[in-house]
């Protein structure tokens, strides 16, 4: 699985980094970023939950 974020639409709520800190974090500019593109097997459920919980639907996990 790979994760990505459309950072142009990110509202910096931090939900993804709270749900799945193994894949997402808040960058220096305040927006969320993917810092582990290839989602670890043990984090797949959390990464998908982060995608589903994003209030602006800018996260893709596939």
PDB file of N, CA and C in Angstrom:
ATOM      1  N   UNK A   1       0.841  -1.190   0.000  1.00  0.00           N
ATOM      2  CA  UNK A   1       0.000   0.000   0.000  1.00  0.00           C
ATOM      3  C   UNK A   1       0.881   1.248   0.000  1.00  0.00           C
ATOM      4  N   UNK A   2       0.396   2.258  -0.700  1.00  0.00           N
ATOM      5  CA  UNK A   2       1.081   3.539  -0.728  1.00  0.00           C
ATOM      6  C   UNK A   2       0.112   4.625  -0.283  1.00  0.00           C
ATOM      7  N   UNK A   3       0.645   5.616   0.407  1.00  0.00           N
ATOM      8  CA  UNK A   3      -0.163   6.738   0.884  1.00  0.00           C
ATOM      9  C   UNK A   3       0.296   8.017   0.202  1.00  0.00           C
ATOM     10  N   UNK A   4      -0.661   8.911  -0.002  1.00  0.00           N
ATOM     11  CA  UNK A   4      -0.336  10.231  -0.537  1.00  0.00           C
ATOM     12  C   UNK A   4      -1.342  11.240   0.002  1.00  0.00           C
ATOM     13  N   UNK A   5      -0.935  12.502   0.006  1.00  0.00           N
ATOM     14  CA  UNK A   5      -1.797  13.595   0.453  1.00  0.00           C
ATOM     15  C   UNK A   5      -1.752  14.693  -0.594  1.00  0.00           C
ATOM     16  N   UNK A   6      -2.925  15.207  -0.956  1.00  0.00           N
ATOM     17  CA  UNK A   6      -3.000  16.404  -1.789  1.00  0.00           C
ATOM     18  C   UNK A   6      -2.843  17.578  -0.829  1.00  0.00           C
ATOM     19  N   UNK A   7      -1.614  18.024  -0.651  1.00  0.00           N
ATOM     20  CA  UNK A   7      -1.322  19.047   0.346  1.00  0.00           C
ATOM     21  C   UNK A   7      -1.991  20.382   0.027  1.00  0.00           C
ATOM     22  N   UNK A   8      -2.369  20.603  -1.240  1.00  0.00           N
ATOM     23  CA  UNK A   8      -3.056  21.848  -1.597  1.00  0.00           C
ATOM     24  C   UNK A   8      -4.411  21.962  -0.918  1.00  0.00           C
ATOM     25  N   UNK A   9      -5.028  20.828  -0.605  1.00  0.00           N
ATOM     26  CA  UNK A   9      -6.340  20.846   0.032  1.00  0.00           C
ATOM     27  C   UNK A   9      -6.301  20.607   1.528  1.00  0.00           C
ATOM     28  N   UNK A  10      -5.109  20.342   2.071  1.00  0.00           N
ATOM     29  CA  UNK A  10      -4.967  20.042   3.502  1.00  0.00           C
ATOM     30  C   UNK A  10      -5.331  21.271   4.333  1.00  0.00           C
ATOM     31  N   UNK A  11      -6.107  21.043   5.404  1.00  0.00           N
ATOM     32  CA  UNK A  11      -6.486  22.141   6.301  1.00  0.00           C
ATOM     33  C   UNK A  11      -5.721  22.081   7.629  1.00  0.00           C
ATOM     34  N   UNK A  12      -4.720  21.239   7.706  1.00  0.00           N
ATOM     35  CA  UNK A  12      -3.821  21.149   8.859  1.00  0.00           C
ATOM     36  C   UNK A  12      -4.536  20.805  10.163  1.00  0.00           C
ATOM     37  N   UNK A  13      -5.523  19.920  10.091  1.00  0.00           N
ATOM     38  CA  UNK A  13      -6.262  19.546  11.301  1.00  0.00           C
ATOM     39  C   UNK A  13      -5.481  18.579  12.167  1.00  0.00           C
ATOM     40  N   UNK A  14      -4.554  17.807  11.575  1.00  0.00           N
ATOM     41  CA  UNK A  14      -3.725  16.882  12.327  1.00  0.00           C
ATOM     42  C   UNK A  14      -4.339  15.521  12.589  1.00  0.00           C
ATOM     43  N   UNK A  15      -5.528  15.275  12.075  1.00  0.00           N
ATOM     44  CA  UNK A  15      -6.202  14.004  12.324  1.00  0.00           C
ATOM     45  C   UNK A  15      -5.378  12.820  11.831  1.00  0.00           C
ATOM     46  N   UNK A  16      -4.838  12.906  10.649  1.00  0.00           N
ATOM     47  CA  UNK A  16      -4.089  11.774  10.094  1.00  0.00           C
ATOM     48  C   UNK A  16      -2.863  11.440  10.928  1.00  0.00           C
ATOM     49  N   UNK A  17      -2.146  12.462  11.372  1.00  0.00           N
ATOM     50  CA  UNK A  17      -0.947  12.202  12.166  1.00  0.00           C
ATOM     51  C   UNK A  17      -1.281  11.669  13.557  1.00  0.00           C
ATOM     52  N   UNK A  18      -2.460  11.965  14.044  1.00  0.00           N
ATOM     53  CA  UNK A  18      -2.897  11.416  15.330  1.00  0.00           C
ATOM     54  C   UNK A  18      -3.302   9.957  15.178  1.00  0.00           C
ATOM     55  N   UNK A  19      -3.983   9.631  14.084  1.00  0.00           N
ATOM     56  CA  UNK A  19      -4.461   8.262  13.861  1.00  0.00           C
ATOM     57  C   UNK A  19      -3.340   7.330  13.425  1.00  0.00           C
ATOM     58  N   UNK A  20      -2.456   7.817  12.561  1.00  0.00           N
ATOM     59  CA  UNK A  20      -1.411   6.951  12.001  1.00  0.00           C
ATOM     60  C   UNK A  20      -0.063   7.685  11.945  1.00  0.00           C
ATOM     61  N   UNK A  21       0.552   7.892  13.110  1.00  0.00           N
ATOM     62  CA  UNK A  21       1.836   8.611  13.128  1.00  0.00           C
ATOM     63  C   UNK A  21       2.981   7.837  12.483  1.00  0.00           C
ATOM     64  N   UNK A  22       2.768   6.561  12.180  1.00  0.00           N
ATOM     65  CA  UNK A  22       3.799   5.776  11.503  1.00  0.00           C
ATOM     66  C   UNK A  22       3.940   6.169  10.034  1.00  0.00           C
ATOM     67  N   UNK A  23       2.931   6.864   9.492  1.00  0.00           N
ATOM     68  CA  UNK A  23       2.930   7.221   8.075  1.00  0.00           C
ATOM     69  C   UNK A  23       2.811   8.734   7.861  1.00  0.00           C
ATOM     70  N   UNK A  24       2.002   9.394   8.675  1.00  0.00           N
ATOM     71  CA  UNK A  24       1.718  10.819   8.493  1.00  0.00           C
ATOM     72  C   UNK A  24       2.310  11.640   9.632  1.00  0.00           C
ATOM     73  N   UNK A  25       2.713  12.865   9.299  1.00  0.00           N
ATOM     74  CA  UNK A  25       3.181  13.806  10.314  1.00  0.00           C
ATOM     75  C   UNK A  25       2.863  15.220   9.839  1.00  0.00           C
ATOM     76  N   UNK A  26       2.960  16.148  10.765  1.00  0.00           N
ATOM     77  CA  UNK A  26       2.757  17.540  10.420  1.00  0.00           C
ATOM     78  C   UNK A  26       4.124  18.118  10.027  1.00  0.00           C
ATOM     79  N   UNK A  27       4.187  18.713   8.864  1.00  0.00           N
ATOM     80  CA  UNK A  27       5.441  19.260   8.337  1.00  0.00           C
ATOM     81  C   UNK A  27       5.720  20.631   8.953  1.00  0.00           C
ATOM     82  N   UNK A  28       6.897  21.144   8.697  1.00  0.00           N
ATOM     83  CA  UNK A  28       7.297  22.453   9.224  1.00  0.00           C
ATOM     84  C   UNK A  28       6.382  23.582   8.764  1.00  0.00           C
ATOM     85  N   UNK A  29       5.736  23.406   7.609  1.00  0.00           N
ATOM     86  CA  UNK A  29       4.831  24.447   7.113  1.00  0.00           C
ATOM     87  C   UNK A  29       3.433  24.341   7.724  1.00  0.00           C
ATOM     88  N   UNK A  30       3.238  23.361   8.627  1.00  0.00           N
ATOM     89  CA  UNK A  30       1.956  23.215   9.322  1.00  0.00           C
ATOM     90  C   UNK A  30       0.994  22.255   8.662  1.00  0.00           C
ATOM     91  N   UNK A  31       1.278  21.825   7.452  1.00  0.00           N
ATOM     92  CA  UNK A  31       0.399  20.905   6.741  1.00  0.00           C
ATOM     93  C   UNK A  31       0.851  19.466   6.963  1.00  0.00           C
ATOM     94  N   UNK A  32      -0.062  18.548   6.776  1.00  0.00           N
ATOM     95  CA  UNK A  32       0.265  17.131   6.913  1.00  0.00           C
ATOM     96  C   UNK A  32       1.110  16.675   5.727  1.00  0.00           C
ATOM     97  N   UNK A  33       1.938  15.673   5.976  1.00  0.00           N
ATOM     98  CA  UNK A  33       2.735  15.081   4.918  1.00  0.00           C
ATOM     99  C   UNK A  33       2.880  13.587   5.164  1.00  0.00           C
ATOM    100  N   UNK A  34       3.120  12.868   4.085  1.00  0.00           N
ATOM    101  CA  UNK A  34       3.438  11.447   4.161  1.00  0.00           C
ATOM    102  C   UNK A  34       4.954  11.363   4.254  1.00  0.00           C
ATOM    103  N   UNK A  35       5.452  10.709   5.295  1.00  0.00           N
ATOM    104  CA  UNK A  35       6.900  10.569   5.379  1.00  0.00           C
ATOM    105  C   UNK A  35       7.350   9.128   5.227  1.00  0.00           C
ATOM    106  N   UNK A  36       6.403   8.208   5.079  1.00  0.00           N
ATOM    107  CA  UNK A  36       6.693   6.808   4.767  1.00  0.00           C
ATOM    108  C   UNK A  36       5.730   6.422   3.654  1.00  0.00           C
ATOM    109  N   UNK A  37       6.160   6.595   2.417  1.00  0.00           N
ATOM    110  CA  UNK A  37       5.265   6.380   1.275  1.00  0.00           C
ATOM    111  C   UNK A  37       4.706   4.967   1.231  1.00  0.00           C
ATOM    112  N   UNK A  38       5.567   3.986   1.456  1.00  0.00           N
ATOM    113  CA  UNK A  38       5.120   2.591   1.465  1.00  0.00           C
ATOM    114  C   UNK A  38       4.631   2.274   2.879  1.00  0.00           C
ATOM    115  N   UNK A  39       3.322   2.105   3.023  1.00  0.00           N
ATOM    116  CA  UNK A  39       2.712   1.886   4.331  1.00  0.00           C
ATOM    117  C   UNK A  39       3.141   0.526   4.891  1.00  0.00           C
ATOM    118  N   UNK A  40       3.711   0.507   6.107  1.00  0.00           N
ATOM    119  CA  UNK A  40       4.072  -0.778   6.711  1.00  0.00           C
ATOM    120  C   UNK A  40       2.828  -1.654   6.887  1.00  0.00           C
ATOM    121  N   UNK A  41       2.992  -2.935   6.710  1.00  0.00           N
ATOM    122  CA  UNK A  41       1.880  -3.884   6.795  1.00  0.00           C
ATOM    123  C   UNK A  41       1.081  -3.697   8.089  1.00  0.00           C
ATOM    124  N   UNK A  42       1.777  -3.516   9.205  1.00  0.00           N
ATOM    125  CA  UNK A  42       1.099  -3.392  10.488  1.00  0.00           C
ATOM    126  C   UNK A  42       0.368  -2.051  10.664  1.00  0.00           C
ATOM    127  N   UNK A  43       0.576  -1.113   9.749  1.00  0.00           N
ATOM    128  CA  UNK A  43      -0.071   0.198   9.834  1.00  0.00           C
ATOM    129  C   UNK A  43      -1.162   0.401   8.781  1.00  0.00           C
ATOM    130  N   UNK A  44      -1.435  -0.608   7.972  1.00  0.00           N
ATOM    131  CA  UNK A  44      -2.399  -0.454   6.883  1.00  0.00           C
ATOM    132  C   UNK A  44      -3.792  -0.058   7.382  1.00  0.00           C
ATOM    133  N   UNK A  45      -4.257  -0.677   8.454  1.00  0.00           N
ATOM    134  CA  UNK A  45      -5.586  -0.352   8.973  1.00  0.00           C
ATOM    135  C   UNK A  45      -5.627   1.092   9.467  1.00  0.00           C
ATOM    136  N   UNK A  46      -4.591   1.517  10.205  1.00  0.00           N
ATOM    137  CA  UNK A  46      -4.547   2.894  10.699  1.00  0.00           C
ATOM    138  C   UNK A  46      -4.460   3.894   9.551  1.00  0.00           C
ATOM    139  N   UNK A  47      -3.697   3.585   8.523  1.00  0.00           N
ATOM    140  CA  UNK A  47      -3.575   4.493   7.377  1.00  0.00           C
ATOM    141  C   UNK A  47      -4.918   4.639   6.667  1.00  0.00           C
ATOM    142  N   UNK A  48      -5.632   3.545   6.518  1.00  0.00           N
ATOM    143  CA  UNK A  48      -6.956   3.590   5.899  1.00  0.00           C
ATOM    144  C   UNK A  48      -7.936   4.365   6.779  1.00  0.00           C
ATOM    145  N   UNK A  49      -7.849   4.171   8.092  1.00  0.00           N
ATOM    146  CA  UNK A  49      -8.694   4.938   9.017  1.00  0.00           C
ATOM    147  C   UNK A  49      -8.393   6.430   8.915  1.00  0.00           C
ATOM    148  N   UNK A  50      -7.122   6.785   8.762  1.00  0.00           N
ATOM    149  CA  UNK A  50      -6.745   8.191   8.604  1.00  0.00           C
ATOM    150  C   UNK A  50      -7.343   8.759   7.319  1.00  0.00           C
ATOM    151  N   UNK A  51      -7.278   7.988   6.251  1.00  0.00           N
ATOM    152  CA  UNK A  51      -7.877   8.424   4.990  1.00  0.00           C
ATOM    153  C   UNK A  51      -9.379   8.653   5.157  1.00  0.00           C
ATOM    154  N   UNK A  52     -10.047   7.702   5.788  1.00  0.00           N
ATOM    155  CA  UNK A  52     -11.499   7.808   5.970  1.00  0.00           C
ATOM    156  C   UNK A  52     -11.888   8.941   6.925  1.00  0.00           C
ATOM    157  N   UNK A  53     -10.984   9.324   7.825  1.00  0.00           N
ATOM    158  CA  UNK A  53     -11.275  10.348   8.825  1.00  0.00           C
ATOM    159  C   UNK A  53     -10.912  11.750   8.375  1.00  0.00           C
ATOM    160  N   UNK A  54     -10.211  11.877   7.267  1.00  0.00           N
ATOM    161  CA  UNK A  54      -9.806  13.204   6.780  1.00  0.00           C
ATOM    162  C   UNK A  54     -11.040  14.024   6.442  1.00  0.00           C
ATOM    163  N   UNK A  55     -11.217  15.176   7.098  1.00  0.00           N
ATOM    164  CA  UNK A  55     -12.425  15.971   6.879  1.00  0.00           C
ATOM    165  C   UNK A  55     -12.521  16.590   5.483  1.00  0.00           C
ATOM    166  N   UNK A  56     -11.406  16.674   4.775  1.00  0.00           N
ATOM    167  CA  UNK A  56     -11.421  17.261   3.427  1.00  0.00           C
ATOM    168  C   UNK A  56     -11.056  16.238   2.351  1.00  0.00           C
ATOM    169  N   UNK A  57     -10.932  14.966   2.734  1.00  0.00           N
ATOM    170  CA  UNK A  57     -10.713  13.851   1.790  1.00  0.00           C
ATOM    171  C   UNK A  57      -9.538  14.071   0.844  1.00  0.00           C
ATOM    172  N   UNK A  58      -8.388  14.471   1.400  1.00  0.00           N
ATOM    173  CA  UNK A  58      -7.202  14.703   0.552  1.00  0.00           C
ATOM    174  C   UNK A  58      -6.173  13.580   0.665  1.00  0.00           C
ATOM    175  N   UNK A  59      -6.498  12.528   1.432  1.00  0.00           N
ATOM    176  CA  UNK A  59      -5.582  11.413   1.615  1.00  0.00           C
ATOM    177  C   UNK A  59      -6.026  10.235   0.735  1.00  0.00           C
ATOM    178  N   UNK A  60      -5.044   9.629   0.078  1.00  0.00           N
ATOM    179  CA  UNK A  60      -5.291   8.427  -0.703  1.00  0.00           C
ATOM    180  C   UNK A  60      -4.370   7.334  -0.185  1.00  0.00           C
ATOM    181  N   UNK A  61      -4.957   6.170   0.081  1.00  0.00           N
ATOM    182  CA  UNK A  61      -4.187   4.991   0.465  1.00  0.00           C
ATOM    183  C   UNK A  61      -4.653   3.867  -0.450  1.00  0.00           C
ATOM    184  N   UNK A  62      -3.719   3.351  -1.237  1.00  0.00           N
ATOM    185  CA  UNK A  62      -4.076   2.270  -2.167  1.00  0.00           C
ATOM    186  C   UNK A  62      -2.940   1.312  -2.353  1.00  0.00           C
TER     187      UNK A  62
END
